[in-house]
Amino acid sequence: MASYTYDDLKDGGVFIGAFSGSMDFVIHNPHFCSYFTLETVRNEDGYYDITSPINTSGSFGSLNNVHDLITSPYMASFVINEGTGSFDYTPNNPVLANTLYLRATGNITLNANIIPSVTPSITPSITPSITPSITPSLSPSPTPSMTPTPSSSPPP
């Protein structure tokens, strides 16, 4: 689990590493109200364009003591009430290293836990199927023959 202090999160913020799957965030806010933002790095002109990664397009869930979520494909921001707030985020696309940073106002601290995605492993299993084939064979059978056998004793 990564931990970030107010000094990490203030001003320009801090980059997070690459991840896919989901990430759990737990935010501690000692003040009345603070703001927390996930933001994609902008291009050299300070904008987002077709080459910008779409890092905040996904699902935000398990919202606890956070509200007023505002999202775009490149940013997501929350209002964090005093106390401890939490949420989880699962991006639609893997987030590349150094393309998403975390920023905050107020004297908040943050714990972030990446939960790796689990890709099911499928091993093909081939079971040969043998279907017996019966081909009838018809051949003429010998016809029984009867040959009378003479009796050695005369009939009475």
Protein backbone atom coordinates (compact mmCIF):
# COMPACT_ATOMS: atom_id res chain seq x y z
CA MET A 1 0.00 0.00 0.00
CA ALA A 2 1.37 3.40 -0.95
CA SER A 3 1.03 6.30 1.48
CA TYR A 4 1.08 9.95 0.51
CA THR A 5 1.34 13.01 2.75
CA TYR A 6 -0.02 16.48 2.28
CA ASP A 7 3.42 17.57 1.03
CA ASP A 8 3.22 14.89 -1.68
CA LEU A 9 -0.29 15.84 -2.75
CA LYS A 10 -0.20 19.64 -2.65
CA ASP A 11 0.63 21.87 -5.60
CA GLY A 12 1.58 19.68 -8.59
CA GLY A 13 0.80 16.42 -6.83
CA VAL A 14 2.50 13.07 -7.17
CA PHE A 15 2.56 10.50 -9.96
CA ILE A 16 1.28 7.03 -9.32
CA GLY A 17 2.67 3.93 -10.97
CA ALA A 18 1.09 1.85 -13.67
CA PHE A 19 -1.89 -0.27 -12.73
CA SER A 20 -4.79 -2.20 -14.10
CA GLY A 21 -7.48 -3.80 -12.04
CA SER A 22 -8.67 -1.50 -9.29
CA MET A 23 -7.24 0.84 -6.72
CA ASP A 24 -8.65 1.49 -3.24
CA PHE A 25 -8.19 4.97 -1.79
CA VAL A 26 -8.47 5.88 1.90
CA ILE A 27 -8.20 9.60 2.61
CA HIS A 28 -7.75 11.16 6.06
CA ASN A 29 -8.89 14.76 6.26
CA PRO A 30 -8.43 16.69 9.55
CA HIS A 31 -10.14 19.81 8.17
CA PHE A 32 -13.71 20.76 7.46
CA CYS A 33 -13.56 20.24 3.70
CA SER A 34 -10.83 19.34 1.20
CA TYR A 35 -10.56 18.34 -2.42
CA PHE A 36 -8.90 15.33 -3.99
CA THR A 37 -8.14 14.96 -7.71
CA LEU A 38 -6.85 12.25 -10.04
CA GLU A 39 -5.52 13.99 -13.12
CA THR A 40 -3.97 12.82 -16.39
CA VAL A 41 -0.78 14.54 -17.49
CA ARG A 42 -1.45 17.24 -20.10
CA ASN A 43 0.47 17.62 -23.35
CA GLU A 44 3.27 20.19 -23.78
CA ASP A 45 0.68 22.87 -24.64
CA GLY A 46 -1.22 22.27 -21.40
CA TYR A 47 -4.20 20.51 -23.00
CA TYR A 48 -5.55 17.04 -23.58
CA ASP A 49 -5.60 15.76 -27.13
CA ILE A 50 -6.05 12.50 -29.01
CA THR A 51 -2.65 11.28 -27.79
CA SER A 52 -3.55 11.81 -24.11
CA PRO A 53 -4.25 8.61 -22.17
CA ILE A 54 -7.83 8.27 -20.96
CA ASN A 55 -7.00 7.50 -17.33
CA THR A 56 -10.18 8.40 -15.47
CA SER A 57 -12.74 6.69 -17.64
CA GLY A 58 -13.89 3.82 -15.48
CA SER A 59 -15.98 3.13 -12.41
CA PHE A 60 -15.84 4.76 -9.01
CA GLY A 61 -17.47 2.76 -6.27
CA SER A 62 -17.80 2.20 -2.51
CA LEU A 63 -17.96 5.95 -1.92
CA ASN A 64 -17.70 6.70 1.80
CA ASN A 65 -17.57 10.25 3.16
CA VAL A 66 -16.70 11.60 -0.30
CA HIS A 67 -19.14 13.44 -2.51
CA ASP A 68 -19.61 15.73 -5.48
CA LEU A 69 -17.67 13.48 -7.82
CA ILE A 70 -16.89 15.28 -11.05
CA THR A 71 -15.32 13.22 -13.85
CA SER A 72 -14.10 13.47 -17.39
CA PRO A 73 -11.95 11.02 -19.36
CA TYR A 74 -8.87 12.85 -18.03
CA MET A 75 -9.79 13.96 -14.48
CA ALA A 76 -11.84 13.00 -11.46
CA SER A 77 -12.34 15.18 -8.37
CA PHE A 78 -14.07 14.70 -5.03
CA VAL A 79 -15.01 16.78 -2.04
CA ILE A 80 -13.68 15.04 1.07
CA ASN A 81 -15.50 15.73 4.33
CA GLU A 82 -13.70 15.98 7.64
CA GLY A 83 -12.68 12.56 8.89
CA THR A 84 -11.89 9.51 6.80
CA GLY A 85 -13.24 9.00 3.31
CA SER A 86 -12.73 6.17 0.88
CA PHE A 87 -13.57 4.96 -2.60
CA ASP A 88 -12.30 2.52 -5.18
CA TYR A 89 -11.53 3.14 -8.82
CA THR A 90 -11.37 0.63 -11.67
CA PRO A 91 -10.15 2.13 -14.95
CA ASN A 92 -11.54 0.99 -18.28
CA ASN A 93 -7.98 0.91 -19.64
CA PRO A 94 -4.68 0.12 -17.89
CA VAL A 95 -3.07 3.26 -16.46
CA LEU A 96 0.51 3.72 -17.65
CA ALA A 97 3.25 4.84 -15.27
CA ASN A 98 3.73 8.60 -14.90
CA THR A 99 0.54 9.51 -16.77
CA LEU A 100 -1.77 9.98 -13.77
CA TYR A 101 -1.08 12.05 -10.72
CA LEU A 102 -2.82 12.64 -7.42
CA ARG A 103 -3.45 16.13 -6.05
CA ALA A 104 -5.21 17.51 -3.01
CA THR A 105 -6.00 20.62 -1.04
CA GLY A 106 -6.18 20.76 2.75
CA ASN A 107 -3.95 18.79 5.05
CA ILE A 108 -5.07 15.35 3.89
CA THR A 109 -3.10 12.12 3.80
CA LEU A 110 -3.82 9.24 1.47
CA ASN A 111 -3.34 5.50 1.43
CA ALA A 112 -3.73 3.85 -1.96
CA ASN A 113 -3.83 0.12 -2.48
CA ILE A 114 -3.62 -1.35 -5.96
CA ILE A 115 -5.58 -4.55 -6.43
CA PRO A 116 -4.17 -6.26 -9.52
CA SER A 117 -6.57 -7.45 -12.13
CA VAL A 118 -6.97 -11.18 -12.38
CA THR A 119 -6.94 -12.53 -15.87
CA PRO A 120 -8.43 -15.97 -15.96
CA SER A 121 -6.08 -18.56 -17.32
CA ILE A 122 -7.73 -20.85 -19.79
CA THR A 123 -5.94 -24.05 -20.69
CA PRO A 124 -7.47 -25.76 -23.66
CA SER A 125 -8.48 -29.29 -22.95
CA ILE A 126 -8.90 -31.61 -25.88
CA THR A 127 -10.52 -34.93 -25.21
CA PRO A 128 -10.58 -37.21 -28.20
CA SER A 129 -13.97 -38.57 -28.95
CA ILE A 130 -14.07 -42.07 -30.33
CA THR A 131 -17.32 -43.21 -31.87
CA PRO A 132 -17.37 -46.89 -32.66
CA SER A 133 -18.36 -47.69 -36.17
CA ILE A 134 -20.05 -51.00 -36.93
CA THR A 135 -20.20 -52.10 -40.51
CA PRO A 136 -22.43 -55.13 -40.93
CA SER A 137 -20.97 -57.91 -42.97
CA LEU A 138 -23.37 -60.22 -44.73
CA SER A 139 -21.99 -63.41 -46.07
CA PRO A 140 -23.94 -66.46 -47.09
CA SER A 141 -23.96 -69.12 -44.48
CA PRO A 142 -23.66 -72.71 -45.54
CA THR A 143 -26.96 -74.42 -46.03
CA PRO A 144 -27.28 -77.40 -43.78
CA SER A 145 -27.66 -80.65 -45.60
CA MET A 146 -29.35 -83.76 -44.40
CA THR A 147 -28.20 -87.13 -45.44
CA PRO A 148 -30.28 -90.13 -44.39
CA THR A 149 -28.32 -92.69 -42.47
CA PRO A 150 -29.39 -96.29 -42.96
CA SER A 151 -30.27 -98.15 -39.89
CA SER A 152 -28.49 -101.43 -39.24
CA SER A 153 -31.29 -103.19 -37.57
CA PRO A 154 -34.50 -104.01 -39.29
CA PRO A 155 -37.65 -102.53 -38.03
CA PRO A 156 -39.65 -104.93 -35.89
